[in-house]
């Protein structure tokens, strides 16, 4: 990606115990330029770095740093090819996302390295939107619902 652009990568990690639940985090630091406030709830986001090579590489690093599960326990179901410009007044910041499924116990011990966020629970999409969310969250979730949700529901025989 052009060095003049910043790419944020969101990871929608689901567990599929009868009902689809999303891994969520709570922001611990403010970043006003990104419209990020302390206390906001969202799926985890990570900034693409050149060492990642691509968005999937960023997701692998995100799983280790922000989620704290073993990468071997996570199935990366899809990586969106779309890049969204979702931060008002910042034409050089784009966001994309990937979708994954946890193949393991969602309540197992995790060892995240990032201290900018804390685990906020496994939430349904409806429960997530009862919270104050990051500005990028709704457009990404809307895109996910339209493009990937039916496949996830069929593959894992769960309800939203």
C-alpha atoms as a PDB file:
ATOM      1  CA  UNK A   1       0.000   0.000   0.000  1.00  0.00           C
ATOM      2  CA  UNK A   2       1.157   3.540  -0.703  1.00  0.00           C
ATOM      3  CA  UNK A   3       3.155   4.915   2.244  1.00  0.00           C
ATOM      4  CA  UNK A   4       0.943   8.008   2.258  1.00  0.00           C
ATOM      5  CA  UNK A   5      -2.009   5.853   3.316  1.00  0.00           C
ATOM      6  CA  UNK A   6      -2.819   4.219   6.620  1.00  0.00           C
ATOM      7  CA  UNK A   7      -4.728   0.942   6.589  1.00  0.00           C
ATOM      8  CA  UNK A   8      -6.622  -0.255   9.623  1.00  0.00           C
ATOM      9  CA  UNK A   9      -7.673  -3.884   9.668  1.00  0.00           C
ATOM     10  CA  UNK A  10     -10.664  -5.007  11.720  1.00  0.00           C
ATOM     11  CA  UNK A  11     -11.104  -8.636  12.726  1.00  0.00           C
ATOM     12  CA  UNK A  12     -14.583 -10.039  13.236  1.00  0.00           C
ATOM     13  CA  UNK A  13     -13.851 -13.150  15.310  1.00  0.00           C
ATOM     14  CA  UNK A  14     -16.888 -15.269  16.061  1.00  0.00           C
ATOM     15  CA  UNK A  15     -17.605 -18.204  18.298  1.00  0.00           C
ATOM     16  CA  UNK A  16     -20.375 -20.517  17.187  1.00  0.00           C
ATOM     17  CA  UNK A  17     -21.978 -22.118  20.220  1.00  0.00           C
ATOM     18  CA  UNK A  18     -25.586 -22.220  18.868  1.00  0.00           C
ATOM     19  CA  UNK A  19     -25.634 -18.426  18.511  1.00  0.00           C
ATOM     20  CA  UNK A  20     -23.073 -16.320  16.659  1.00  0.00           C
ATOM     21  CA  UNK A  21     -21.116 -14.178  19.131  1.00  0.00           C
ATOM     22  CA  UNK A  22     -18.426 -11.626  18.296  1.00  0.00           C
ATOM     23  CA  UNK A  23     -15.172 -11.065  20.215  1.00  0.00           C
ATOM     24  CA  UNK A  24     -15.203  -7.442  21.419  1.00  0.00           C
ATOM     25  CA  UNK A  25     -12.724  -5.131  23.083  1.00  0.00           C
ATOM     26  CA  UNK A  26     -12.969  -1.877  25.027  1.00  0.00           C
ATOM     27  CA  UNK A  27     -10.670   1.003  24.124  1.00  0.00           C
ATOM     28  CA  UNK A  28      -8.407   2.158  26.964  1.00  0.00           C
ATOM     29  CA  UNK A  29      -6.846   5.148  25.171  1.00  0.00           C
ATOM     30  CA  UNK A  30      -8.214   8.037  23.166  1.00  0.00           C
ATOM     31  CA  UNK A  31      -7.111   8.861  19.634  1.00  0.00           C
ATOM     32  CA  UNK A  32      -9.162  11.917  18.612  1.00  0.00           C
ATOM     33  CA  UNK A  33      -7.790  11.984  15.033  1.00  0.00           C
ATOM     34  CA  UNK A  34      -9.301   8.515  14.587  1.00  0.00           C
ATOM     35  CA  UNK A  35     -12.527   9.429  16.437  1.00  0.00           C
ATOM     36  CA  UNK A  36     -11.599   6.815  19.023  1.00  0.00           C
ATOM     37  CA  UNK A  37     -12.641   7.419  22.623  1.00  0.00           C
ATOM     38  CA  UNK A  38     -11.792   5.584  25.809  1.00  0.00           C
ATOM     39  CA  UNK A  39     -14.605   3.146  26.651  1.00  0.00           C
ATOM     40  CA  UNK A  40     -15.736   2.485  23.063  1.00  0.00           C
ATOM     41  CA  UNK A  41     -16.560  -1.144  22.309  1.00  0.00           C
ATOM     42  CA  UNK A  42     -15.748  -2.806  18.993  1.00  0.00           C
ATOM     43  CA  UNK A  43     -14.138  -5.778  17.338  1.00  0.00           C
ATOM     44  CA  UNK A  44     -10.342  -5.436  17.532  1.00  0.00           C
ATOM     45  CA  UNK A  45      -8.523  -3.269  14.975  1.00  0.00           C
ATOM     46  CA  UNK A  46      -4.836  -3.257  14.086  1.00  0.00           C
ATOM     47  CA  UNK A  47      -2.818  -1.008  11.792  1.00  0.00           C
ATOM     48  CA  UNK A  48      -1.220  -2.640   8.764  1.00  0.00           C
ATOM     49  CA  UNK A  49       2.580  -2.648   8.901  1.00  0.00           C
ATOM     50  CA  UNK A  50       4.869  -3.421   5.948  1.00  0.00           C
ATOM     51  CA  UNK A  51       6.185  -6.524   7.755  1.00  0.00           C
ATOM     52  CA  UNK A  52       2.630  -7.950   7.580  1.00  0.00           C
ATOM     53  CA  UNK A  53       2.793  -8.075   3.745  1.00  0.00           C
ATOM     54  CA  UNK A  54      -1.024  -8.110   3.455  1.00  0.00           C
ATOM     55  CA  UNK A  55      -4.219  -7.782   5.512  1.00  0.00           C
ATOM     56  CA  UNK A  56      -4.121 -11.477   6.448  1.00  0.00           C
ATOM     57  CA  UNK A  57      -0.658 -10.941   7.931  1.00  0.00           C
ATOM     58  CA  UNK A  58      -2.047  -8.068   9.988  1.00  0.00           C
ATOM     59  CA  UNK A  59      -4.852 -10.341  11.228  1.00  0.00           C
ATOM     60  CA  UNK A  60      -2.360 -12.999  12.318  1.00  0.00           C
ATOM     61  CA  UNK A  61      -0.440 -10.356  14.290  1.00  0.00           C
ATOM     62  CA  UNK A  62      -3.725  -9.000  15.707  1.00  0.00           C
ATOM     63  CA  UNK A  63      -4.738 -12.469  16.934  1.00  0.00           C
ATOM     64  CA  UNK A  64      -1.466 -12.786  18.823  1.00  0.00           C
ATOM     65  CA  UNK A  65      -1.198  -9.209  20.124  1.00  0.00           C
ATOM     66  CA  UNK A  66      -4.778  -8.119  20.795  1.00  0.00           C
ATOM     67  CA  UNK A  67      -6.818 -11.287  21.193  1.00  0.00           C
ATOM     68  CA  UNK A  68      -4.273 -13.606  22.769  1.00  0.00           C
ATOM     69  CA  UNK A  69      -5.479 -16.935  21.365  1.00  0.00           C
ATOM     70  CA  UNK A  70      -3.171 -19.254  19.478  1.00  0.00           C
ATOM     71  CA  UNK A  71      -3.385 -18.577  15.736  1.00  0.00           C
ATOM     72  CA  UNK A  72      -3.885 -22.328  15.237  1.00  0.00           C
ATOM     73  CA  UNK A  73      -7.252 -22.053  17.029  1.00  0.00           C
ATOM     74  CA  UNK A  74      -8.617 -19.465  14.609  1.00  0.00           C
ATOM     75  CA  UNK A  75      -9.967 -20.165  11.139  1.00  0.00           C
ATOM     76  CA  UNK A  76      -9.716 -17.095   8.923  1.00  0.00           C
ATOM     77  CA  UNK A  77     -12.937 -17.496   6.958  1.00  0.00           C
ATOM     78  CA  UNK A  78     -12.655 -14.480   4.638  1.00  0.00           C
ATOM     79  CA  UNK A  79     -10.618 -11.333   4.059  1.00  0.00           C
ATOM     80  CA  UNK A  80     -12.622  -8.529   2.478  1.00  0.00           C
ATOM     81  CA  UNK A  81     -11.067  -7.032  -0.633  1.00  0.00           C
ATOM     82  CA  UNK A  82     -12.854  -3.703  -0.127  1.00  0.00           C
ATOM     83  CA  UNK A  83     -11.158  -0.784   1.560  1.00  0.00           C
ATOM     84  CA  UNK A  84     -13.424   1.765   3.227  1.00  0.00           C
ATOM     85  CA  UNK A  85     -12.664   5.433   3.913  1.00  0.00           C
ATOM     86  CA  UNK A  86     -14.590   5.786   7.195  1.00  0.00           C
ATOM     87  CA  UNK A  87     -12.760   8.442   9.235  1.00  0.00           C
ATOM     88  CA  UNK A  88     -14.264  11.887   8.492  1.00  0.00           C
ATOM     89  CA  UNK A  89     -11.755  14.415   7.196  1.00  0.00           C
ATOM     90  CA  UNK A  90      -9.016  11.792   6.724  1.00  0.00           C
ATOM     91  CA  UNK A  91      -8.846  10.865   3.044  1.00  0.00           C
ATOM     92  CA  UNK A  92      -5.635   8.903   3.636  1.00  0.00           C
ATOM     93  CA  UNK A  93      -7.011   6.447   6.235  1.00  0.00           C
ATOM     94  CA  UNK A  94      -8.712   3.289   5.010  1.00  0.00           C
ATOM     95  CA  UNK A  95     -10.165   0.292   6.796  1.00  0.00           C
ATOM     96  CA  UNK A  96     -10.709  -3.274   5.713  1.00  0.00           C
ATOM     97  CA  UNK A  97     -11.650  -6.367   7.664  1.00  0.00           C
ATOM     98  CA  UNK A  98     -11.479 -10.116   7.926  1.00  0.00           C
ATOM     99  CA  UNK A  99     -13.866 -12.682   9.363  1.00  0.00           C
ATOM    100  CA  UNK A 100     -12.774 -15.602  11.528  1.00  0.00           C
ATOM    101  CA  UNK A 101     -14.137 -18.420  13.636  1.00  0.00           C
ATOM    102  CA  UNK A 102     -12.647 -19.554  16.944  1.00  0.00           C
ATOM    103  CA  UNK A 103     -12.179 -23.323  16.963  1.00  0.00           C
ATOM    104  CA  UNK A 104     -11.957 -23.792  20.695  1.00  0.00           C
ATOM    105  CA  UNK A 105     -13.321 -22.742  24.039  1.00  0.00           C
ATOM    106  CA  UNK A 106     -14.229 -19.029  23.976  1.00  0.00           C
ATOM    107  CA  UNK A 107     -13.673 -18.873  27.742  1.00  0.00           C
ATOM    108  CA  UNK A 108     -10.146 -20.254  27.671  1.00  0.00           C
ATOM    109  CA  UNK A 109      -7.300 -18.242  29.103  1.00  0.00           C
ATOM    110  CA  UNK A 110      -5.868 -15.708  26.678  1.00  0.00           C
ATOM    111  CA  UNK A 111      -2.554 -13.882  26.706  1.00  0.00           C
ATOM    112  CA  UNK A 112      -2.884 -10.620  24.728  1.00  0.00           C
ATOM    113  CA  UNK A 113       0.150  -8.326  24.563  1.00  0.00           C
ATOM    114  CA  UNK A 114      -1.626  -5.031  23.772  1.00  0.00           C
ATOM    115  CA  UNK A 115      -2.600  -2.825  26.710  1.00  0.00           C
ATOM    116  CA  UNK A 116      -4.535  -0.231  24.667  1.00  0.00           C
ATOM    117  CA  UNK A 117      -7.612  -2.492  24.835  1.00  0.00           C
ATOM    118  CA  UNK A 118      -9.240  -4.967  27.209  1.00  0.00           C
ATOM    119  CA  UNK A 119     -11.593  -7.852  26.450  1.00  0.00           C
ATOM    120  CA  UNK A 120     -15.220  -6.717  26.585  1.00  0.00           C
ATOM    121  CA  UNK A 121     -16.956 -10.066  26.058  1.00  0.00           C
ATOM    122  CA  UNK A 122     -18.503 -12.176  23.343  1.00  0.00           C
ATOM    123  CA  UNK A 123     -21.490 -10.204  22.035  1.00  0.00           C
ATOM    124  CA  UNK A 124     -24.180 -10.752  19.456  1.00  0.00           C
ATOM    125  CA  UNK A 125     -24.295  -8.065  16.779  1.00  0.00           C
ATOM    126  CA  UNK A 126     -27.434  -6.638  18.409  1.00  0.00           C
ATOM    127  CA  UNK A 127     -25.689  -6.499  21.811  1.00  0.00           C
ATOM    128  CA  UNK A 128     -22.688  -4.755  20.249  1.00  0.00           C
ATOM    129  CA  UNK A 129     -24.855  -1.940  18.925  1.00  0.00           C
ATOM    130  CA  UNK A 130     -26.272  -1.255  22.379  1.00  0.00           C
ATOM    131  CA  UNK A 131     -22.753   0.028  23.168  1.00  0.00           C
ATOM    132  CA  UNK A 132     -20.914   3.128  22.026  1.00  0.00           C
ATOM    133  CA  UNK A 133     -18.886   1.768  19.099  1.00  0.00           C
ATOM    134  CA  UNK A 134     -15.986   2.991  16.988  1.00  0.00           C
ATOM    135  CA  UNK A 135     -16.999   4.966  13.901  1.00  0.00           C
ATOM    136  CA  UNK A 136     -15.787   2.202  11.551  1.00  0.00           C
ATOM    137  CA  UNK A 137     -17.800  -0.549  13.212  1.00  0.00           C
ATOM    138  CA  UNK A 138     -21.291  -0.129  11.753  1.00  0.00           C
ATOM    139  CA  UNK A 139     -20.237   0.126   8.071  1.00  0.00           C
ATOM    140  CA  UNK A 140     -18.000  -2.924   8.478  1.00  0.00           C
ATOM    141  CA  UNK A 141     -20.721  -4.949  10.233  1.00  0.00           C
ATOM    142  CA  UNK A 142     -23.265  -3.886   7.580  1.00  0.00           C
ATOM    143  CA  UNK A 143     -20.892  -5.048   4.825  1.00  0.00           C
ATOM    144  CA  UNK A 144     -20.277  -8.320   6.697  1.00  0.00           C
ATOM    145  CA  UNK A 145     -24.024  -8.973   7.098  1.00  0.00           C
ATOM    146  CA  UNK A 146     -24.629  -8.451   3.387  1.00  0.00           C
ATOM    147  CA  UNK A 147     -21.602 -10.373   2.096  1.00  0.00           C
ATOM    148  CA  UNK A 148     -20.519 -13.024   4.603  1.00  0.00           C
ATOM    149  CA  UNK A 149     -23.172 -13.652   7.272  1.00  0.00           C
ATOM    150  CA  UNK A 150     -25.293 -16.091   5.218  1.00  0.00           C
ATOM    151  CA  UNK A 151     -22.247 -18.284   4.501  1.00  0.00           C
ATOM    152  CA  UNK A 152     -21.180 -18.322   8.168  1.00  0.00           C
ATOM    153  CA  UNK A 153     -24.687 -19.185   9.346  1.00  0.00           C
ATOM    154  CA  UNK A 154     -24.931 -22.054   6.831  1.00  0.00           C
ATOM    155  CA  UNK A 155     -21.433 -23.391   7.459  1.00  0.00           C
ATOM    156  CA  UNK A 156     -21.816 -23.541  11.229  1.00  0.00           C
ATOM    157  CA  UNK A 157     -25.597 -24.066  11.524  1.00  0.00           C
ATOM    158  CA  UNK A 158     -26.026 -21.208  13.975  1.00  0.00           C
ATOM    159  CA  UNK A 159     -28.370 -18.250  14.330  1.00  0.00           C
ATOM    160  CA  UNK A 160     -27.444 -14.607  14.309  1.00  0.00           C
END
